[in-house]
């Protein structure tokens, strides 16, 4: 008996006798499956073919897959970091073929792989190759290697060379080159601005930049465009969230580095040491080492002054520099009338007038109003001690 044939009495009122009759099944709404899209099927097939080509090229050449993380080249298959290209190549060879296959086959759609192709050669006959296209043609013609497609998932790089391997445009640092490669290999496009990304997660993060958000300070109602700007405002103006406490005195600091320096300068604590792998410089955090490598050894300068052409590693450095072109000394000392470009410069200067000598030399005990004066003195003092 179907639902359409049931009377209202039969369907709605169950029998009151001892033997219960089963209620007829209610009409179930069958969810219609969307018709298969030929374009989707073709895309899935193409991605599968590109994966197979990628694996075939890896098995028949000395291509080295790598990642870029915190200004270092990282092994694609594990978390080992390297600054030297040859050390990276030698390390990648230690990973087994089955491990390589497993990772590539399980990779998500739209993935691309950074491929180091310096000294590229065929692993069958050791013939040198200029690029991936030549390698592909060579394997097909000379070694009868069958490829489902000549397209692969590789993004070609030559570590140490900052020129694009696709269009030959040169860049002053690897970071800029890596960003540029999205113009050739972007598969996820932002509908708002048209910018391309290699991964869906990167696109999702980018989309948030188009959403206008306002971060308002609850104490003074000033509005900020980013959460970090609001945080720094609270730290500087309202002394909030100074979480880095000194264990020996009531001083608090907004940054871990400031706390470390305070402990060393005022309480004689030993500073942690992180050495640069390329020179003898030593820093108190690993982050400062990475920043030093980018600035000194990689000569990274991403921000250029449009007035004089000077280049800087950070946007904040460029902003400070731009004030020198404006020549507006807005921060004036109330004691002597001297003007300064920056508020922190005025604060350092005020220490002279209030006779606040809190910067002490660790060698001789002499105190100074300004940290810069103490540092200059300390170098001289250390030199006198050695002699």
Protein backbone atom coordinates (compact mmCIF):
# COMPACT_ATOMS: atom_id res chain seq x y z
CA UNK A 1 0.00 0.00 0.00
CA UNK A 2 1.46 3.34 -0.97
CA UNK A 3 1.13 6.62 0.88
CA UNK A 4 -1.17 8.00 -1.77
CA UNK A 5 -3.64 5.13 -1.29
CA UNK A 6 -3.82 5.47 2.55
CA UNK A 7 -6.96 6.93 4.06
CA UNK A 8 -6.61 9.44 6.84
CA UNK A 9 -7.92 6.82 9.27
CA UNK A 10 -5.44 4.18 8.19
CA UNK A 11 -2.46 6.46 8.14
CA UNK A 12 -2.99 8.59 11.22
CA UNK A 13 -4.79 6.30 13.74
CA UNK A 14 -2.97 3.15 14.84
CA UNK A 15 -5.11 0.04 15.69
CA UNK A 16 -5.92 -0.36 19.40
CA UNK A 17 -5.85 -4.18 19.33
CA UNK A 18 -3.20 -6.45 20.82
CA UNK A 19 -1.51 -6.96 17.51
CA UNK A 20 0.00 -3.69 16.41
CA UNK A 21 0.07 -3.03 12.77
CA UNK A 22 3.13 -1.34 11.45
CA UNK A 23 2.78 2.19 10.32
CA UNK A 24 3.37 2.54 6.66
CA UNK A 25 6.67 4.15 5.80
CA UNK A 26 6.49 7.84 5.36
CA UNK A 27 7.35 9.23 2.01
CA UNK A 28 11.09 9.79 1.99
CA UNK A 29 12.50 12.68 0.12
CA UNK A 30 15.19 11.32 -2.07
CA UNK A 31 18.06 13.77 -2.40
CA UNK A 32 18.76 14.24 -6.04
CA UNK A 33 22.44 13.98 -6.82
CA UNK A 34 23.74 16.79 -8.98
CA UNK A 35 24.55 15.70 -12.51
CA UNK A 36 28.19 15.01 -13.13
CA UNK A 37 30.00 17.95 -14.60
CA UNK A 38 32.24 17.10 -17.53
CA UNK A 39 34.54 20.02 -16.69
CA UNK A 40 35.05 18.71 -13.14
CA UNK A 41 35.82 15.22 -14.43
CA UNK A 42 38.30 16.61 -16.92
CA UNK A 43 39.99 18.67 -14.19
CA UNK A 44 40.31 15.61 -11.90
CA UNK A 45 41.74 13.57 -14.78
CA UNK A 46 44.21 16.33 -15.67
CA UNK A 47 45.42 16.63 -12.04
CA UNK A 48 45.90 12.86 -11.87
CA UNK A 49 47.93 12.90 -15.10
CA UNK A 50 50.08 15.81 -13.85
CA UNK A 51 50.79 13.93 -10.61
CA UNK A 52 51.91 10.87 -12.58
CA UNK A 53 54.16 13.01 -14.79
CA UNK A 54 55.62 14.68 -11.69
CA UNK A 55 56.48 11.29 -10.18
CA UNK A 56 57.97 10.01 -13.45
CA UNK A 57 60.24 13.06 -13.81
CA UNK A 58 61.34 12.70 -10.17
CA UNK A 59 62.24 9.03 -10.72
CA UNK A 60 64.26 9.78 -13.89
CA UNK A 61 66.21 12.90 -12.85
CA UNK A 62 68.03 14.63 -10.00
CA UNK A 63 65.23 17.17 -9.34
CA UNK A 64 65.25 18.22 -5.66
CA UNK A 65 61.98 19.21 -4.00
CA UNK A 66 62.24 21.79 -1.23
CA UNK A 67 60.22 24.20 0.90
CA UNK A 68 60.98 27.74 2.04
CA UNK A 69 60.54 28.38 5.73
CA UNK A 70 61.84 31.21 7.94
CA UNK A 71 64.52 32.30 5.46
CA UNK A 72 65.93 28.79 5.10
CA UNK A 73 65.56 26.02 2.55
CA UNK A 74 63.75 23.08 4.09
CA UNK A 75 63.62 19.47 2.96
CA UNK A 76 60.26 18.71 1.30
CA UNK A 77 59.93 15.38 3.10
CA UNK A 78 60.99 16.31 6.64
CA UNK A 79 61.73 19.44 8.71
CA UNK A 80 65.50 19.64 8.18
CA UNK A 81 66.69 23.18 7.33
CA UNK A 82 69.66 24.08 5.13
CA UNK A 83 71.42 27.23 3.97
CA UNK A 84 73.70 25.37 1.55
CA UNK A 85 72.21 24.04 -1.70
CA UNK A 86 74.46 20.99 -1.96
CA UNK A 87 73.77 19.92 1.62
CA UNK A 88 70.05 20.09 0.86
CA UNK A 89 70.46 17.97 -2.28
CA UNK A 90 72.54 15.35 -0.51
CA UNK A 91 70.00 15.14 2.30
CA UNK A 92 66.97 14.72 0.00
CA UNK A 93 68.65 11.71 -1.62
CA UNK A 94 68.47 9.89 1.72
CA UNK A 95 64.67 9.72 1.46
CA UNK A 96 63.43 6.50 -0.14
CA UNK A 97 61.54 6.34 -3.44
CA UNK A 98 58.41 4.88 -1.82
CA UNK A 99 58.29 7.83 0.57
CA UNK A 100 58.41 10.26 -2.34
CA UNK A 101 55.60 8.46 -4.17
CA UNK A 102 53.39 8.31 -1.10
CA UNK A 103 53.62 12.06 -0.37
CA UNK A 104 53.04 13.18 -3.97
CA UNK A 105 50.11 10.80 -4.55
CA UNK A 106 48.40 11.92 -1.32
CA UNK A 107 48.90 15.63 -1.99
CA UNK A 108 45.86 17.88 -2.22
CA UNK A 109 44.55 19.25 -5.53
CA UNK A 110 46.06 22.54 -6.77
CA UNK A 111 49.39 21.76 -5.05
CA UNK A 112 52.61 22.89 -6.69
CA UNK A 113 56.13 21.84 -5.73
CA UNK A 114 59.24 24.02 -5.58
CA UNK A 115 61.83 22.16 -7.64
CA UNK A 116 65.58 22.87 -7.49
CA UNK A 117 66.86 22.31 -11.07
CA UNK A 118 70.46 23.55 -10.87
CA UNK A 119 72.76 21.06 -12.64
CA UNK A 120 69.66 19.21 -13.90
CA UNK A 121 70.41 15.88 -15.56
CA UNK A 122 68.78 12.65 -16.68
CA UNK A 123 69.38 9.86 -14.14
CA UNK A 124 69.26 7.19 -16.88
CA UNK A 125 72.16 8.43 -19.04
CA UNK A 126 73.51 11.37 -16.95
CA UNK A 127 72.92 13.80 -19.85
CA UNK A 128 72.77 17.46 -18.66
CA UNK A 129 69.48 19.30 -19.19
CA UNK A 130 68.77 23.02 -19.48
CA UNK A 131 65.22 22.92 -18.14
CA UNK A 132 62.22 20.71 -17.38
CA UNK A 133 60.87 20.90 -20.93
CA UNK A 134 64.14 19.54 -22.36
CA UNK A 135 64.19 16.78 -19.74
CA UNK A 136 60.61 15.75 -20.65
CA UNK A 137 61.37 15.62 -24.39
CA UNK A 138 64.61 13.73 -23.75
CA UNK A 139 62.91 11.00 -21.70
CA UNK A 140 60.19 10.48 -24.32
CA UNK A 141 62.50 10.40 -27.36
CA UNK A 142 65.61 8.67 -26.01
CA UNK A 143 64.34 6.37 -23.26
CA UNK A 144 60.77 5.59 -24.42
CA UNK A 145 59.34 6.87 -21.15
CA UNK A 146 55.57 7.19 -21.48
CA UNK A 147 53.96 10.31 -20.03
CA UNK A 148 50.22 10.91 -19.88
CA UNK A 149 50.83 14.66 -20.20
CA UNK A 150 53.91 16.84 -20.54
CA UNK A 151 52.63 19.17 -17.79
CA UNK A 152 53.88 18.66 -14.23
CA UNK A 153 53.34 20.20 -10.79
CA UNK A 154 56.88 21.63 -10.57
CA UNK A 155 57.75 25.28 -10.00
CA UNK A 156 61.37 25.51 -11.20
CA UNK A 157 64.02 27.34 -9.14
CA UNK A 158 67.80 27.54 -9.17
CA UNK A 159 68.85 28.12 -5.56
CA UNK A 160 71.21 31.08 -5.41
CA UNK A 161 69.76 32.59 -8.61
CA UNK A 162 66.96 35.14 -8.16
CA UNK A 163 65.84 35.18 -11.80
CA UNK A 164 62.50 33.58 -12.73
CA UNK A 165 63.05 30.33 -14.66
CA UNK A 166 59.89 30.94 -16.70
CA UNK A 167 60.12 34.57 -17.85
CA UNK A 168 63.73 35.52 -16.83
CA UNK A 169 62.63 38.54 -14.74
CA UNK A 170 65.26 39.14 -12.04
CA UNK A 171 64.52 39.91 -8.38
CA UNK A 172 66.73 41.12 -5.54
CA UNK A 173 65.72 38.36 -3.11
CA UNK A 174 64.21 34.87 -3.05
CA UNK A 175 61.05 36.01 -1.22
CA UNK A 176 60.08 38.34 -4.06
CA UNK A 177 60.87 35.65 -6.65
CA UNK A 178 58.73 33.12 -4.76
CA UNK A 179 55.82 35.59 -4.67
CA UNK A 180 56.25 36.26 -8.38
CA UNK A 181 55.96 32.55 -9.24
CA UNK A 182 52.26 32.66 -8.33
CA UNK A 183 51.70 34.64 -11.55
CA UNK A 184 52.76 31.57 -13.52
CA UNK A 185 51.39 28.78 -11.31
CA UNK A 186 48.39 30.30 -9.52
CA UNK A 187 45.35 28.02 -9.46
CA UNK A 188 43.21 29.79 -6.86
CA UNK A 189 42.06 33.25 -7.96
CA UNK A 190 40.56 35.97 -5.77
CA UNK A 191 37.21 37.11 -7.23
CA UNK A 192 37.63 40.60 -5.76
CA UNK A 193 41.05 41.67 -7.05
CA UNK A 194 42.13 38.85 -9.38
CA UNK A 195 45.26 38.00 -7.40
CA UNK A 196 46.36 34.38 -7.77
CA UNK A 197 47.51 31.86 -5.14
CA UNK A 198 48.93 28.34 -5.28
CA UNK A 199 46.86 27.04 -2.36
CA UNK A 200 43.25 27.46 -1.25
CA UNK A 201 44.37 28.27 2.33
CA UNK A 202 46.44 31.21 1.07
CA UNK A 203 43.45 32.48 -0.92
CA UNK A 204 41.21 32.20 2.15
CA UNK A 205 43.64 34.28 4.24
CA UNK A 206 43.87 36.85 1.45
CA UNK A 207 40.08 37.21 1.15
CA UNK A 208 40.00 38.42 4.77
CA UNK A 209 42.04 41.47 3.71
CA UNK A 210 39.09 42.67 1.62
CA UNK A 211 36.76 42.59 4.63
CA UNK A 212 36.88 45.96 6.38
CA UNK A 213 37.24 45.41 10.10
CA UNK A 214 37.54 48.00 12.80
CA UNK A 215 39.37 47.49 16.05
CA UNK A 216 38.33 50.09 18.63
CA UNK A 217 40.20 50.90 21.82
CA UNK A 218 37.68 50.68 24.68
CA UNK A 219 39.44 53.36 26.71
CA UNK A 220 39.86 56.18 24.18
CA UNK A 221 37.66 55.03 21.26
CA UNK A 222 40.47 55.31 18.68
CA UNK A 223 39.90 53.01 15.68
CA UNK A 224 42.61 50.79 14.17
CA UNK A 225 42.67 48.79 10.94
CA UNK A 226 44.48 45.79 12.45
CA UNK A 227 44.42 43.90 15.73
CA UNK A 228 48.20 44.31 16.11
CA UNK A 229 47.97 48.12 15.83
CA UNK A 230 45.35 48.15 18.58
CA UNK A 231 47.55 45.89 20.73
CA UNK A 232 50.62 48.15 20.34
CA UNK A 233 48.46 51.21 21.12
CA UNK A 234 47.31 49.58 24.37
CA UNK A 235 50.88 48.72 25.30
CA UNK A 236 52.30 52.19 24.64
CA UNK A 237 49.44 54.44 25.74
CA UNK A 238 47.62 52.43 28.40
CA UNK A 239 50.45 50.17 29.59
CA UNK A 240 48.28 47.10 29.05
CA UNK A 241 49.47 43.54 28.48
CA UNK A 242 53.04 44.11 29.63
CA UNK A 243 53.29 40.40 30.27
CA UNK A 244 57.10 40.05 30.34
CA UNK A 245 57.89 40.62 34.03
CA UNK A 246 61.33 40.97 35.55
CA UNK A 247 61.77 38.38 38.34
CA UNK A 248 64.04 40.73 40.34
CA UNK A 249 62.24 44.09 40.17
CA UNK A 250 58.79 45.55 39.33
CA UNK A 251 59.73 46.36 35.69
CA UNK A 252 57.46 44.99 32.95
CA UNK A 253 58.10 44.77 29.20
CA UNK A 254 56.00 44.39 26.06
CA UNK A 255 58.61 42.27 24.29
CA UNK A 256 60.68 39.29 25.35
CA UNK A 257 63.85 40.83 23.87
CA UNK A 258 63.48 43.94 26.03
CA UNK A 259 63.18 41.75 29.13
CA UNK A 260 66.36 39.82 28.23
CA UNK A 261 68.36 43.02 27.76
CA UNK A 262 67.03 44.43 31.03
CA UNK A 263 68.11 41.27 32.92
CA UNK A 264 71.61 41.44 31.42
CA UNK A 265 72.11 45.20 31.87
CA UNK A 266 70.56 45.64 35.32
CA UNK A 267 70.83 42.26 37.05
CA UNK A 268 73.95 40.73 35.51
CA UNK A 269 72.16 37.73 33.96
CA UNK A 270 73.84 35.92 31.10
CA UNK A 271 72.25 36.55 27.71
CA UNK A 272 71.28 33.54 25.52
CA UNK A 273 73.49 33.22 22.43
CA UNK A 274 72.42 32.26 18.92
CA UNK A 275 75.22 32.33 16.36
CA UNK A 276 74.86 33.21 12.69
CA UNK A 277 75.76 30.15 10.54
CA UNK A 278 77.56 32.36 7.99
CA UNK A 279 79.60 34.71 10.19
CA UNK A 280 80.67 35.28 13.80
CA UNK A 281 77.71 37.48 14.79
CA UNK A 282 75.82 36.37 17.91
CA UNK A 283 72.24 37.35 18.86
CA UNK A 284 69.94 36.83 21.82
CA UNK A 285 67.14 35.12 19.83
CA UNK A 286 66.92 32.88 16.80
CA UNK A 287 64.51 35.36 15.17
CA UNK A 288 67.21 38.05 15.26
CA UNK A 289 69.63 35.62 13.57
CA UNK A 290 67.14 35.03 10.75
CA UNK A 291 66.60 38.77 10.38
CA UNK A 292 70.39 39.29 10.23
CA UNK A 293 70.75 36.60 7.52
CA UNK A 294 68.03 38.23 5.42
CA UNK A 295 69.48 41.71 5.76
CA UNK A 296 73.24 41.10 5.59
CA UNK A 297 73.86 37.81 3.80
CA UNK A 298 70.83 37.73 1.48
CA UNK A 299 70.78 41.53 1.03
CA UNK A 300 67.00 41.58 1.21
CA UNK A 301 65.61 45.07 0.59
CA UNK A 302 61.92 44.95 -0.29
CA UNK A 303 60.90 48.56 0.49
CA UNK A 304 62.25 51.41 -1.67
CA UNK A 305 62.02 55.14 -1.04
CA UNK A 306 60.38 56.85 -4.05
CA UNK A 307 62.25 60.08 -3.34
CA UNK A 308 65.89 59.01 -3.07
CA UNK A 309 65.94 55.31 -4.03
CA UNK A 310 67.19 54.03 -0.66
CA UNK A 311 66.01 50.48 0.06
CA UNK A 312 65.07 48.95 3.40
CA UNK A 313 64.24 45.48 4.68
CA UNK A 314 61.21 46.50 6.75
CA UNK A 315 58.30 48.82 6.07
CA UNK A 316 58.84 50.47 9.47
CA UNK A 317 62.42 51.36 8.47
CA UNK A 318 61.14 53.02 5.29
CA UNK A 319 58.52 54.96 7.30
CA UNK A 320 61.22 56.25 9.67
CA UNK A 321 63.37 57.22 6.70
CA UNK A 322 60.52 59.13 4.98
CA UNK A 323 60.37 61.50 7.95
CA UNK A 324 63.82 62.75 7.01
CA UNK A 325 62.42 64.01 3.69
CA UNK A 326 59.51 65.79 5.35
CA UNK A 327 61.86 67.59 7.76
CA UNK A 328 59.08 68.10 10.29
CA UNK A 329 60.40 67.94 13.84
CA UNK A 330 57.00 67.62 15.47
CA UNK A 331 58.28 66.33 18.82
CA UNK A 332 59.71 69.29 20.75
CA UNK A 333 61.46 69.17 24.13
CA UNK A 334 59.64 71.32 26.71
CA UNK A 335 62.93 72.02 28.55
CA UNK A 336 65.24 73.24 25.78
CA UNK A 337 63.04 73.51 22.67
CA UNK A 338 65.00 70.97 20.63
CA UNK A 339 62.88 69.19 18.00
CA UNK A 340 62.90 65.53 16.98
CA UNK A 341 61.47 63.48 14.11
CA UNK A 342 60.34 60.65 16.39
CA UNK A 343 58.66 60.49 19.78
CA UNK A 344 61.11 57.84 21.04
CA UNK A 345 64.03 60.15 20.19
CA UNK A 346 62.41 62.85 22.33
CA UNK A 347 61.89 60.37 25.19
CA UNK A 348 65.57 59.37 25.07
CA UNK A 349 66.55 63.06 25.09
CA UNK A 350 64.31 63.87 28.10
CA UNK A 351 66.36 61.51 30.26
CA UNK A 352 69.17 64.12 30.14
CA UNK A 353 67.00 66.83 31.69
CA UNK A 354 65.45 64.69 34.43
CA UNK A 355 68.91 63.29 35.29
CA UNK A 356 67.71 59.71 34.99
CA UNK A 357 70.96 57.77 34.75
CA UNK A 358 69.66 54.20 34.57
CA UNK A 359 71.97 52.76 31.88
CA UNK A 360 74.97 51.29 33.67
CA UNK A 361 78.24 50.00 32.21
CA UNK A 362 78.80 46.39 33.28
CA UNK A 363 82.59 46.86 33.24
CA UNK A 364 83.15 49.97 35.37
CA UNK A 365 79.76 50.81 36.86
CA UNK A 366 79.46 54.25 35.25
CA UNK A 367 75.86 55.30 34.53
CA UNK A 368 74.39 57.19 31.57
CA UNK A 369 71.11 58.91 30.76
CA UNK A 370 71.00 57.47 27.23
CA UNK A 371 71.46 53.88 26.17
CA UNK A 372 73.42 54.92 23.06
CA UNK A 373 75.95 56.83 25.19
CA UNK A 374 76.36 53.80 27.47
CA UNK A 375 76.95 51.49 24.47
CA UNK A 376 79.59 53.81 22.96
CA UNK A 377 81.32 54.03 26.36
CA UNK A 378 81.15 50.27 26.93
CA UNK A 379 83.04 49.56 23.68
CA UNK A 380 85.81 51.92 24.74
CA UNK A 381 85.80 50.50 28.26
CA UNK A 382 86.14 46.92 26.98
CA UNK A 383 89.02 48.01 24.73
CA UNK A 384 90.81 49.62 27.67
CA UNK A 385 90.33 46.46 29.76
CA UNK A 386 91.86 44.24 27.08
CA UNK A 387 94.89 46.50 26.68
